[in-house]
C-alpha atoms as a PDB file:
ATOM      1  CA  MET A   1     -21.706 -21.187 -65.191  1.00  0.00           C
ATOM      2  CA  ALA A   2     -24.896 -22.588 -63.711  1.00  0.00           C
ATOM      3  CA  TYR A   3     -26.736 -25.704 -65.192  1.00  0.00           C
ATOM      4  CA  ILE A   4     -30.352 -27.114 -64.785  1.00  0.00           C
ATOM      5  CA  THR A   5     -30.042 -29.841 -62.157  1.00  0.00           C
ATOM      6  CA  GLY A   6     -32.339 -32.791 -61.281  1.00  0.00           C
ATOM      7  CA  LEU A   7     -32.870 -34.736 -58.263  1.00  0.00           C
ATOM      8  CA  ARG A   8     -32.640 -38.681 -58.288  1.00  0.00           C
ATOM      9  CA  ARG A   9     -34.725 -40.865 -56.300  1.00  0.00           C
ATOM     10  CA  ASN A  10     -31.837 -41.389 -53.834  1.00  0.00           C
ATOM     11  CA  LYS A  11     -31.661 -37.576 -53.256  1.00  0.00           C
ATOM     12  CA  THR A  12     -28.503 -37.025 -55.236  1.00  0.00           C
ATOM     13  CA  GLU A  13     -28.305 -34.386 -57.827  1.00  0.00           C
ATOM     14  CA  TYR A  14     -27.467 -34.856 -61.612  1.00  0.00           C
ATOM     15  CA  THR A  15     -27.158 -32.498 -64.572  1.00  0.00           C
ATOM     16  CA  PRO A  16     -29.253 -33.844 -67.559  1.00  0.00           C
ATOM     17  CA  GLU A  17     -27.757 -33.322 -70.848  1.00  0.00           C
ATOM     18  CA  PHE A  18     -29.995 -32.648 -73.866  1.00  0.00           C
ATOM     19  CA  ILE A  19     -29.570 -33.511 -77.553  1.00  0.00           C
ATOM     20  CA  LYS A  20     -27.391 -30.872 -79.449  1.00  0.00           C
ATOM     21  CA  THR A  21     -26.499 -32.672 -82.824  1.00  0.00           C
ATOM     22  CA  ILE A  22     -26.518 -35.794 -84.737  1.00  0.00           C
ATOM     23  CA  ASP A  23     -23.473 -36.497 -87.039  1.00  0.00           C
ATOM     24  CA  ALA A  24     -25.040 -37.209 -90.368  1.00  0.00           C
ATOM     25  CA  GLU A  25     -21.918 -38.636 -91.843  1.00  0.00           C
ATOM     26  CA  THR A  26     -21.798 -41.431 -89.220  1.00  0.00           C
ATOM     27  CA  CYS A  27     -25.407 -42.011 -89.041  1.00  0.00           C
ATOM     28  CA  ILE A  28     -26.668 -45.055 -90.978  1.00  0.00           C
ATOM     29  CA  GLY A  29     -30.351 -44.258 -90.641  1.00  0.00           C
ATOM     30  CA  CYS A  30     -31.288 -47.383 -88.828  1.00  0.00           C
ATOM     31  CA  ALA A  31     -33.864 -45.588 -86.837  1.00  0.00           C
ATOM     32  CA  ARG A  32     -33.236 -47.234 -83.498  1.00  0.00           C
ATOM     33  CA  CYS A  33     -32.964 -43.800 -81.911  1.00  0.00           C
ATOM     34  CA  PHE A  34     -36.334 -42.693 -83.518  1.00  0.00           C
ATOM     35  CA  LYS A  35     -38.197 -45.869 -82.243  1.00  0.00           C
ATOM     36  CA  VAL A  36     -36.818 -45.254 -78.617  1.00  0.00           C
ATOM     37  CA  CYS A  37     -37.712 -41.530 -78.517  1.00  0.00           C
ATOM     38  CA  ALA A  38     -41.286 -41.060 -77.022  1.00  0.00           C
ATOM     39  CA  HIS A  39     -41.131 -37.220 -77.290  1.00  0.00           C
ATOM     40  CA  ASP A  40     -41.123 -36.614 -81.166  1.00  0.00           C
ATOM     41  CA  VAL A  41     -37.565 -35.135 -81.189  1.00  0.00           C
ATOM     42  CA  LEU A  42     -36.118 -36.880 -84.125  1.00  0.00           C
ATOM     43  CA  THR A  43     -37.216 -37.202 -87.868  1.00  0.00           C
ATOM     44  CA  PHE A  44     -35.789 -38.819 -91.115  1.00  0.00           C
ATOM     45  CA  GLU A  45     -33.800 -36.712 -93.721  1.00  0.00           C
ATOM     46  CA  GLU A  46     -33.017 -38.153 -97.079  1.00  0.00           C
ATOM     47  CA  VAL A  47     -29.892 -37.069 -98.901  1.00  0.00           C
ATOM     48  CA  ASP A  48     -29.695 -38.008-102.745  1.00  0.00           C
ATOM     49  CA  GLU A  49     -25.930 -38.919-103.413  1.00  0.00           C
ATOM     50  CA  ASP A  50     -24.659 -39.991-106.808  1.00  0.00           C
ATOM     51  CA  ASP A  51     -28.122 -41.719-107.934  1.00  0.00           C
ATOM     52  CA  SER A  52     -28.518 -43.344-104.506  1.00  0.00           C
ATOM     53  CA  ALA A  53     -30.466 -41.898-101.455  1.00  0.00           C
ATOM     54  CA  LYS A  54     -29.173 -41.853 -97.934  1.00  0.00           C
ATOM     55  CA  MET A  55     -31.433 -41.753 -94.935  1.00  0.00           C
ATOM     56  CA  TYR A  56     -30.280 -40.328 -91.704  1.00  0.00           C
ATOM     57  CA  MET A  57     -31.820 -38.960 -88.503  1.00  0.00           C
ATOM     58  CA  LYS A  58     -32.223 -35.209 -87.840  1.00  0.00           C
ATOM     59  CA  VAL A  59     -33.208 -33.158 -84.714  1.00  0.00           C
ATOM     60  CA  SER A  60     -36.591 -31.696 -85.699  1.00  0.00           C
ATOM     61  CA  ASN A  61     -38.000 -30.751 -82.238  1.00  0.00           C
ATOM     62  CA  PRO A  62     -35.142 -30.091 -79.912  1.00  0.00           C
ATOM     63  CA  ASP A  63     -37.438 -28.406 -77.251  1.00  0.00           C
ATOM     64  CA  ASN A  64     -39.149 -31.670 -76.963  1.00  0.00           C
ATOM     65  CA  CYS A  65     -36.035 -33.445 -75.522  1.00  0.00           C
ATOM     66  CA  ILE A  66     -36.258 -34.331 -71.782  1.00  0.00           C
ATOM     67  CA  GLY A  67     -32.588 -35.225 -71.532  1.00  0.00           C
ATOM     68  CA  CYS A  68     -32.863 -39.005 -70.944  1.00  0.00           C
ATOM     69  CA  GLN A  69     -30.309 -39.792 -73.852  1.00  0.00           C
ATOM     70  CA  ALA A  70     -32.075 -43.072 -74.794  1.00  0.00           C
ATOM     71  CA  CYS A  71     -31.327 -41.983 -78.475  1.00  0.00           C
ATOM     72  CA  GLY A  72     -27.541 -41.917 -77.583  1.00  0.00           C
ATOM     73  CA  ARG A  73     -27.504 -45.025 -75.649  1.00  0.00           C
ATOM     74  CA  THR A  74     -29.204 -47.034 -78.501  1.00  0.00           C
ATOM     75  CA  CYS A  75     -27.076 -45.666 -81.287  1.00  0.00           C
ATOM     76  CA  SER A  76     -24.609 -48.381 -82.380  1.00  0.00           C
ATOM     77  CA  LYS A  77     -22.387 -45.616 -84.287  1.00  0.00           C
ATOM     78  CA  LYS A  78     -22.420 -43.052 -81.354  1.00  0.00           C
ATOM     79  CA  CYS A  79     -23.696 -40.201 -83.564  1.00  0.00           C
ATOM     80  CA  PHE A  80     -25.257 -38.128 -80.866  1.00  0.00           C
ATOM     81  CA  ALA A  81     -23.743 -35.105 -79.006  1.00  0.00           C
ATOM     82  CA  PHE A  82     -25.308 -33.945 -75.796  1.00  0.00           C
ATOM     83  CA  GLU A  83     -25.060 -30.828 -73.640  1.00  0.00           C
ATOM     84  CA  PRO A  84     -26.480 -29.422 -70.403  1.00  0.00           C
ATOM     85  CA  VAL A  85     -28.707 -26.331 -70.467  1.00  0.00           C
ATOM     86  CA  VAL A  86     -26.771 -23.283 -69.212  1.00  0.00           C
ATOM     87  CA  LEU A  87     -28.897 -20.781 -67.037  1.00  0.00           C
END
């Protein structure tokens, strides 16, 4: 399998990993990931459960993801899953 790779400033290669999913059961809707993402990848989703509403994040524009994983690093619940792009 071949992956898209990048080059760091020190000339070493790396494989960027892009957002795959967010675990809606674990997400608490704090919006830290939403605030840190500058590429309009995420949006809020509301679910009505037994007369109460729960907010969680949803991947709305996955093609906008640049693979920086800032959203996953800011998530206190570790809701994010990432994967490299296969060529």
